[in-house]
Amino acid sequence: MININKIKNITQQKPLMTTLVMLLLVAILILTIFWDNLLTAIGKFLVAEEPLERDGSYILVLQGGIPDRIAHGVELHQDNYAENILMVESKSFTNYELMEQKQLDLPSSAEINKQAAMQMGIDDDQINIIPGKVDSTQQEAGKVAQYLSSNYHSEEDLKVILVTSRYHSKRAKLILQTELKEHDLTNIDIVSSPSHYDPYYPDEWWKNRRQARNTFMEYLKLINFYTFNF
């Protein structure tokens, strides 16, 4: 015997299913059309790049990305955007105890960057390295804030040109601004100028495994920063 009620239910469900399928197809079509634009927007969100003026106090080169970052920092110095290059000594090795045991004398990443800068024509006295063996952007920014707090009056206006990798530039500026604020250095202007030698391209990062990994990790770190300010 035919179940009339069952047939009615199926008939009533068909318009709903048809609507859902149509909506899904439209969504897929929209994503297909705008997919590259969406991915490009995701990449560009990470990049903070601002116009420069030749009145900087320091070119702050964050560690990592050798020699991409320091090469860009040196060019800014040679173009008279600031008088001095500032770096923080980072934790360049995983086992300092072993280095002491083996009596190894190896240059840190900051020292390697300094050597590179001097080979490109920068004088020794124009490069300042802040000691610290830091192992995160936040620690690096903290050391910079301590240095500026100790060497300048709070009412003195300063401009720091921040040099790092493109994908790292937005978060790096946020962290540095936060650390400066915690040290009551609100009169210091941070201008982000990521290295143009950095092989990160916001409009095609998804085509390269390393760039895709950097993008994914940077978003996780941004979420962590906004959530825990860390």
C-alpha atoms as a PDB file:
ATOM      1  CA  MET A   1       0.000   0.000   0.000  1.00  0.00           C
ATOM      2  CA  ILE A   2       1.345   3.423  -0.968  1.00  0.00           C
ATOM      3  CA  ASN A   3       2.077   5.719   1.958  1.00  0.00           C
ATOM      4  CA  ILE A   4       0.509   9.021   0.898  1.00  0.00           C
ATOM      5  CA  ASN A   5       2.001  10.951   3.831  1.00  0.00           C
ATOM      6  CA  LYS A   6       5.510   9.795   2.965  1.00  0.00           C
ATOM      7  CA  ILE A   7       5.079  10.939  -0.632  1.00  0.00           C
ATOM      8  CA  LYS A   8       3.847  14.331   0.579  1.00  0.00           C
ATOM      9  CA  ASN A   9       6.893  14.721   2.862  1.00  0.00           C
ATOM     10  CA  ILE A  10       9.301  13.906   0.020  1.00  0.00           C
ATOM     11  CA  THR A  11       7.486  16.321  -2.276  1.00  0.00           C
ATOM     12  CA  GLN A  12       7.644  19.066   0.345  1.00  0.00           C
ATOM     13  CA  GLN A  13      11.375  18.471   0.936  1.00  0.00           C
ATOM     14  CA  LYS A  14      12.300  18.770  -2.759  1.00  0.00           C
ATOM     15  CA  PRO A  15      12.009  22.595  -2.969  1.00  0.00           C
ATOM     16  CA  LEU A  16      14.142  22.921   0.175  1.00  0.00           C
ATOM     17  CA  MET A  17      16.810  20.552  -1.156  1.00  0.00           C
ATOM     18  CA  THR A  18      16.796  22.332  -4.501  1.00  0.00           C
ATOM     19  CA  THR A  19      17.275  25.682  -2.771  1.00  0.00           C
ATOM     20  CA  LEU A  20      20.170  24.357  -0.670  1.00  0.00           C
ATOM     21  CA  VAL A  21      21.872  22.858  -3.708  1.00  0.00           C
ATOM     22  CA  MET A  22      21.472  26.129  -5.628  1.00  0.00           C
ATOM     23  CA  LEU A  23      22.910  28.126  -2.724  1.00  0.00           C
ATOM     24  CA  LEU A  24      25.863  25.746  -2.503  1.00  0.00           C
ATOM     25  CA  LEU A  25      26.525  26.053  -6.233  1.00  0.00           C
ATOM     26  CA  VAL A  26      26.337  29.850  -6.039  1.00  0.00           C
ATOM     27  CA  ALA A  27      28.755  29.854  -3.088  1.00  0.00           C
ATOM     28  CA  ILE A  28      31.192  27.641  -4.988  1.00  0.00           C
ATOM     29  CA  LEU A  29      30.919  29.894  -8.041  1.00  0.00           C
ATOM     30  CA  ILE A  30      31.595  33.025  -5.977  1.00  0.00           C
ATOM     31  CA  LEU A  31      34.593  31.412  -4.284  1.00  0.00           C
ATOM     32  CA  THR A  32      35.934  30.308  -7.655  1.00  0.00           C
ATOM     33  CA  ILE A  33      35.645  33.827  -9.076  1.00  0.00           C
ATOM     34  CA  PHE A  34      37.036  35.661  -6.060  1.00  0.00           C
ATOM     35  CA  TRP A  35      39.360  32.970  -4.666  1.00  0.00           C
ATOM     36  CA  ASP A  36      42.611  34.639  -5.729  1.00  0.00           C
ATOM     37  CA  ASN A  37      41.395  38.016  -4.447  1.00  0.00           C
ATOM     38  CA  LEU A  38      40.483  36.476  -1.102  1.00  0.00           C
ATOM     39  CA  LEU A  39      43.851  34.762  -0.719  1.00  0.00           C
ATOM     40  CA  THR A  40      45.649  37.948  -1.756  1.00  0.00           C
ATOM     41  CA  ALA A  41      43.742  39.913   0.894  1.00  0.00           C
ATOM     42  CA  ILE A  42      44.787  37.330   3.489  1.00  0.00           C
ATOM     43  CA  GLY A  43      48.432  37.843   2.526  1.00  0.00           C
ATOM     44  CA  LYS A  44      48.263  41.638   2.352  1.00  0.00           C
ATOM     45  CA  PHE A  45      46.708  41.859   5.817  1.00  0.00           C
ATOM     46  CA  LEU A  46      50.005  40.678   7.311  1.00  0.00           C
ATOM     47  CA  VAL A  47      52.093  43.348   5.581  1.00  0.00           C
ATOM     48  CA  ALA A  48      52.624  46.779   7.136  1.00  0.00           C
ATOM     49  CA  GLU A  49      54.493  49.053   4.733  1.00  0.00           C
ATOM     50  CA  GLU A  50      54.425  52.817   5.174  1.00  0.00           C
ATOM     51  CA  PRO A  51      55.850  55.906   3.427  1.00  0.00           C
ATOM     52  CA  LEU A  52      59.261  56.993   4.676  1.00  0.00           C
ATOM     53  CA  GLU A  53      60.769  60.391   5.402  1.00  0.00           C
ATOM     54  CA  ARG A  54      64.451  61.150   5.900  1.00  0.00           C
ATOM     55  CA  ASP A  55      64.210  62.094   9.559  1.00  0.00           C
ATOM     56  CA  GLY A  56      64.579  58.770  11.357  1.00  0.00           C
ATOM     57  CA  SER A  57      66.583  58.286  14.542  1.00  0.00           C
ATOM     58  CA  TYR A  58      67.190  54.564  14.125  1.00  0.00           C
ATOM     59  CA  ILE A  59      66.768  51.811  11.594  1.00  0.00           C
ATOM     60  CA  LEU A  60      65.758  48.857  13.754  1.00  0.00           C
ATOM     61  CA  VAL A  61      66.611  45.590  12.004  1.00  0.00           C
ATOM     62  CA  LEU A  62      64.938  42.609  13.651  1.00  0.00           C
ATOM     63  CA  GLN A  63      66.924  39.384  13.710  1.00  0.00           C
ATOM     64  CA  GLY A  64      66.285  36.568  11.268  1.00  0.00           C
ATOM     65  CA  GLY A  65      66.026  36.588   7.507  1.00  0.00           C
ATOM     66  CA  ILE A  66      69.769  36.915   6.882  1.00  0.00           C
ATOM     67  CA  PRO A  67      70.756  38.767   4.732  1.00  0.00           C
ATOM     68  CA  ASP A  68      67.371  40.049   3.476  1.00  0.00           C
ATOM     69  CA  ARG A  69      66.587  42.337   6.397  1.00  0.00           C
ATOM     70  CA  ILE A  70      70.024  43.830   6.968  1.00  0.00           C
ATOM     71  CA  ALA A  71      70.502  44.481   3.234  1.00  0.00           C
ATOM     72  CA  HIS A  72      67.317  46.558   3.223  1.00  0.00           C
ATOM     73  CA  GLY A  73      68.345  48.308   6.437  1.00  0.00           C
ATOM     74  CA  VAL A  74      71.714  49.234   4.952  1.00  0.00           C
ATOM     75  CA  GLU A  75      70.071  50.671   1.843  1.00  0.00           C
ATOM     76  CA  LEU A  76      67.807  52.823   4.017  1.00  0.00           C
ATOM     77  CA  HIS A  77      70.871  54.058   5.893  1.00  0.00           C
ATOM     78  CA  GLN A  78      72.742  54.807   2.678  1.00  0.00           C
ATOM     79  CA  ASP A  79      69.711  56.734   1.425  1.00  0.00           C
ATOM     80  CA  ASN A  80      69.901  58.871   4.602  1.00  0.00           C
ATOM     81  CA  TYR A  81      66.623  57.760   6.164  1.00  0.00           C
ATOM     82  CA  ALA A  82      68.318  57.464   9.586  1.00  0.00           C
ATOM     83  CA  GLU A  83      71.774  57.885  11.095  1.00  0.00           C
ATOM     84  CA  ASN A  84      72.155  54.605  12.977  1.00  0.00           C
ATOM     85  CA  ILE A  85      71.259  50.931  12.674  1.00  0.00           C
ATOM     86  CA  LEU A  86      69.962  49.232  15.813  1.00  0.00           C
ATOM     87  CA  MET A  87      69.805  45.475  16.438  1.00  0.00           C
ATOM     88  CA  VAL A  88      69.221  43.151  19.385  1.00  0.00           C
ATOM     89  CA  GLU A  89      71.412  40.137  20.046  1.00  0.00           C
ATOM     90  CA  SER A  90      69.209  37.103  19.565  1.00  0.00           C
ATOM     91  CA  LYS A  91      69.476  33.569  20.881  1.00  0.00           C
ATOM     92  CA  SER A  92      71.224  32.282  17.790  1.00  0.00           C
ATOM     93  CA  PHE A  93      72.070  28.808  19.069  1.00  0.00           C
ATOM     94  CA  THR A  94      70.101  26.092  20.840  1.00  0.00           C
ATOM     95  CA  ASN A  95      72.834  24.848  23.178  1.00  0.00           C
ATOM     96  CA  TYR A  96      75.091  27.499  24.695  1.00  0.00           C
ATOM     97  CA  GLU A  97      76.379  25.066  27.339  1.00  0.00           C
ATOM     98  CA  LEU A  98      77.731  22.786  24.623  1.00  0.00           C
ATOM     99  CA  MET A  99      79.389  25.773  22.959  1.00  0.00           C
ATOM    100  CA  GLU A 100      81.160  26.565  26.228  1.00  0.00           C
ATOM    101  CA  GLN A 101      82.187  22.932  26.707  1.00  0.00           C
ATOM    102  CA  LYS A 102      83.621  22.757  23.200  1.00  0.00           C
ATOM    103  CA  GLN A 103      85.042  26.290  23.515  1.00  0.00           C
ATOM    104  CA  LEU A 104      83.277  27.382  20.361  1.00  0.00           C
ATOM    105  CA  ASP A 105      83.410  31.063  19.469  1.00  0.00           C
ATOM    106  CA  LEU A 106      80.693  31.568  16.882  1.00  0.00           C
ATOM    107  CA  PRO A 107      79.161  34.885  15.811  1.00  0.00           C
ATOM    108  CA  SER A 108      75.545  35.554  16.736  1.00  0.00           C
ATOM    109  CA  SER A 109      73.029  36.512  14.066  1.00  0.00           C
ATOM    110  CA  ALA A 110      73.379  40.167  15.122  1.00  0.00           C
ATOM    111  CA  GLU A 111      77.160  39.954  14.700  1.00  0.00           C
ATOM    112  CA  ILE A 112      76.735  38.314  11.286  1.00  0.00           C
ATOM    113  CA  ASN A 113      74.361  41.114  10.302  1.00  0.00           C
ATOM    114  CA  LYS A 114      76.868  43.676  11.561  1.00  0.00           C
ATOM    115  CA  GLN A 115      79.623  42.095   9.463  1.00  0.00           C
ATOM    116  CA  ALA A 116      77.330  42.171   6.440  1.00  0.00           C
ATOM    117  CA  ALA A 117      76.468  45.828   7.060  1.00  0.00           C
ATOM    118  CA  MET A 118      80.134  46.786   7.357  1.00  0.00           C
ATOM    119  CA  GLN A 119      80.944  44.900   4.147  1.00  0.00           C
ATOM    120  CA  MET A 120      78.242  47.009   2.487  1.00  0.00           C
ATOM    121  CA  GLY A 121      79.926  50.198   3.670  1.00  0.00           C
ATOM    122  CA  ILE A 122      78.421  51.016   7.087  1.00  0.00           C
ATOM    123  CA  ASP A 123      80.859  52.251   9.753  1.00  0.00           C
ATOM    124  CA  ASP A 124      81.228  50.293  12.974  1.00  0.00           C
ATOM    125  CA  ASP A 125      80.156  53.240  15.122  1.00  0.00           C
ATOM    126  CA  GLN A 126      76.877  53.536  13.195  1.00  0.00           C
ATOM    127  CA  ILE A 127      75.728  50.066  14.286  1.00  0.00           C
ATOM    128  CA  ASN A 128      74.402  49.484  17.798  1.00  0.00           C
ATOM    129  CA  ILE A 129      73.817  45.953  19.105  1.00  0.00           C
ATOM    130  CA  ILE A 130      71.750  45.617  22.267  1.00  0.00           C
ATOM    131  CA  PRO A 131      72.859  42.539  24.277  1.00  0.00           C
ATOM    132  CA  GLY A 132      70.239  40.072  25.375  1.00  0.00           C
ATOM    133  CA  LYS A 133      70.103  36.657  23.648  1.00  0.00           C
ATOM    134  CA  VAL A 134      66.375  37.102  22.996  1.00  0.00           C
ATOM    135  CA  ASP A 135      64.350  34.352  21.330  1.00  0.00           C
ATOM    136  CA  SER A 136      61.077  36.055  20.408  1.00  0.00           C
ATOM    137  CA  THR A 137      59.840  39.245  18.779  1.00  0.00           C
ATOM    138  CA  GLN A 138      58.321  40.346  22.073  1.00  0.00           C
ATOM    139  CA  GLN A 139      61.626  39.953  23.928  1.00  0.00           C
ATOM    140  CA  GLU A 140      63.381  41.773  21.112  1.00  0.00           C
ATOM    141  CA  ALA A 141      60.895  44.649  21.326  1.00  0.00           C
ATOM    142  CA  GLY A 142      61.246  44.678  25.108  1.00  0.00           C
ATOM    143  CA  LYS A 143      65.018  45.112  24.864  1.00  0.00           C
ATOM    144  CA  VAL A 144      64.576  47.944  22.364  1.00  0.00           C
ATOM    145  CA  ALA A 145      62.091  49.675  24.671  1.00  0.00           C
ATOM    146  CA  GLN A 146      64.504  49.353  27.614  1.00  0.00           C
ATOM    147  CA  TYR A 147      67.352  50.738  25.519  1.00  0.00           C
ATOM    148  CA  LEU A 148      65.374  53.742  24.309  1.00  0.00           C
ATOM    149  CA  SER A 149      63.976  54.361  27.785  1.00  0.00           C
ATOM    150  CA  SER A 150      67.510  54.465  29.217  1.00  0.00           C
ATOM    151  CA  ASN A 151      69.032  56.606  26.479  1.00  0.00           C
ATOM    152  CA  TYR A 152      66.349  59.191  25.754  1.00  0.00           C
ATOM    153  CA  HIS A 153      64.108  61.528  27.690  1.00  0.00           C
ATOM    154  CA  SER A 154      60.431  60.633  27.594  1.00  0.00           C
ATOM    155  CA  GLU A 155      59.552  64.009  26.063  1.00  0.00           C
ATOM    156  CA  GLU A 156      62.046  63.635  23.212  1.00  0.00           C
ATOM    157  CA  ASP A 157      60.496  62.812  19.842  1.00  0.00           C
ATOM    158  CA  LEU A 158      62.036  59.884  18.003  1.00  0.00           C
ATOM    159  CA  LYS A 159      61.308  58.009  14.811  1.00  0.00           C
ATOM    160  CA  VAL A 160      62.278  54.362  14.443  1.00  0.00           C
ATOM    161  CA  ILE A 161      62.164  52.665  11.041  1.00  0.00           C
ATOM    162  CA  LEU A 162      61.267  49.031  11.604  1.00  0.00           C
ATOM    163  CA  VAL A 163      62.813  46.503   9.205  1.00  0.00           C
ATOM    164  CA  THR A 164      61.700  42.888   9.163  1.00  0.00           C
ATOM    165  CA  SER A 165      60.173  40.391   6.729  1.00  0.00           C
ATOM    166  CA  ARG A 166      56.970  41.322   4.901  1.00  0.00           C
ATOM    167  CA  TYR A 167      54.760  38.639   6.472  1.00  0.00           C
ATOM    168  CA  HIS A 168      56.101  39.533   9.929  1.00  0.00           C
ATOM    169  CA  SER A 169      55.797  43.316   9.641  1.00  0.00           C
ATOM    170  CA  LYS A 170      52.254  43.917  10.935  1.00  0.00           C
ATOM    171  CA  ARG A 171      52.658  41.850  14.094  1.00  0.00           C
ATOM    172  CA  ALA A 172      56.177  43.151  14.716  1.00  0.00           C
ATOM    173  CA  LYS A 173      54.956  46.751  14.687  1.00  0.00           C
ATOM    174  CA  LEU A 174      52.042  45.932  17.004  1.00  0.00           C
ATOM    175  CA  ILE A 175      54.377  44.243  19.481  1.00  0.00           C
ATOM    176  CA  LEU A 176      56.921  47.078  19.402  1.00  0.00           C
ATOM    177  CA  GLN A 177      54.214  49.707  19.902  1.00  0.00           C
ATOM    178  CA  THR A 178      52.866  47.737  22.868  1.00  0.00           C
ATOM    179  CA  GLU A 179      56.290  47.457  24.511  1.00  0.00           C
ATOM    180  CA  LEU A 180      57.031  51.158  23.994  1.00  0.00           C
ATOM    181  CA  LYS A 181      53.688  52.075  25.534  1.00  0.00           C
ATOM    182  CA  GLU A 182      54.436  49.924  28.576  1.00  0.00           C
ATOM    183  CA  HIS A 183      57.661  51.915  29.021  1.00  0.00           C
ATOM    184  CA  ASP A 184      55.762  55.236  28.658  1.00  0.00           C
ATOM    185  CA  LEU A 185      57.477  55.947  25.327  1.00  0.00           C
ATOM    186  CA  THR A 186      54.375  57.137  23.534  1.00  0.00           C
ATOM    187  CA  ASN A 187      56.244  59.896  21.656  1.00  0.00           C
ATOM    188  CA  ILE A 188      58.234  57.423  19.535  1.00  0.00           C
ATOM    189  CA  ASP A 189      56.936  57.023  16.000  1.00  0.00           C
ATOM    190  CA  ILE A 190      57.317  53.554  14.477  1.00  0.00           C
ATOM    191  CA  VAL A 191      57.403  53.397  10.682  1.00  0.00           C
ATOM    192  CA  SER A 192      57.340  49.943   9.138  1.00  0.00           C
ATOM    193  CA  SER A 193      59.541  49.291   6.113  1.00  0.00           C
ATOM    194  CA  PRO A 194      59.735  45.529   5.481  1.00  0.00           C
ATOM    195  CA  SER A 195      62.610  44.242   3.390  1.00  0.00           C
ATOM    196  CA  HIS A 196      61.897  44.204  -0.325  1.00  0.00           C
ATOM    197  CA  TYR A 197      64.387  41.328  -0.530  1.00  0.00           C
ATOM    198  CA  ASP A 198      62.054  39.130   1.497  1.00  0.00           C
ATOM    199  CA  PRO A 199      60.719  36.383  -0.825  1.00  0.00           C
ATOM    200  CA  TYR A 200      57.145  36.746   0.435  1.00  0.00           C
ATOM    201  CA  TYR A 201      54.534  37.796  -2.098  1.00  0.00           C
ATOM    202  CA  PRO A 202      51.035  38.515  -0.744  1.00  0.00           C
ATOM    203  CA  ASP A 203      49.461  37.916  -4.137  1.00  0.00           C
ATOM    204  CA  GLU A 204      50.785  34.378  -4.550  1.00  0.00           C
ATOM    205  CA  TRP A 205      51.860  33.081  -1.129  1.00  0.00           C
ATOM    206  CA  TRP A 206      49.626  29.996  -1.474  1.00  0.00           C
ATOM    207  CA  LYS A 207      51.712  28.781  -4.419  1.00  0.00           C
ATOM    208  CA  ASN A 208      54.818  28.276  -2.284  1.00  0.00           C
ATOM    209  CA  ARG A 209      54.983  25.814   0.607  1.00  0.00           C
ATOM    210  CA  ARG A 210      57.297  27.938   2.753  1.00  0.00           C
ATOM    211  CA  GLN A 211      55.271  31.097   2.222  1.00  0.00           C
ATOM    212  CA  ALA A 212      52.055  29.224   2.955  1.00  0.00           C
ATOM    213  CA  ARG A 213      53.538  27.910   6.204  1.00  0.00           C
ATOM    214  CA  ASN A 214      54.739  31.393   7.191  1.00  0.00           C
ATOM    215  CA  THR A 215      51.279  32.831   6.490  1.00  0.00           C
ATOM    216  CA  PHE A 216      49.511  30.169   8.529  1.00  0.00           C
ATOM    217  CA  MET A 217      51.917  30.485  11.471  1.00  0.00           C
ATOM    218  CA  GLU A 218      51.772  34.278  11.408  1.00  0.00           C
ATOM    219  CA  TYR A 219      47.985  34.249  11.697  1.00  0.00           C
ATOM    220  CA  LEU A 220      48.238  31.881  14.664  1.00  0.00           C
ATOM    221  CA  LYS A 221      50.743  34.247  16.293  1.00  0.00           C
ATOM    222  CA  LEU A 222      48.518  37.248  15.563  1.00  0.00           C
ATOM    223  CA  ILE A 223      45.577  35.498  17.212  1.00  0.00           C
ATOM    224  CA  ASN A 224      47.822  34.723  20.177  1.00  0.00           C
ATOM    225  CA  PHE A 225      48.922  38.370  20.361  1.00  0.00           C
ATOM    226  CA  TYR A 226      45.384  39.762  20.235  1.00  0.00           C
ATOM    227  CA  THR A 227      44.209  37.175  22.775  1.00  0.00           C
ATOM    228  CA  PHE A 228      47.066  37.143  25.280  1.00  0.00           C
ATOM    229  CA  ASN A 229      49.102  40.193  24.193  1.00  0.00           C
ATOM    230  CA  PHE A 230      52.090  37.885  23.797  1.00  0.00           C
END
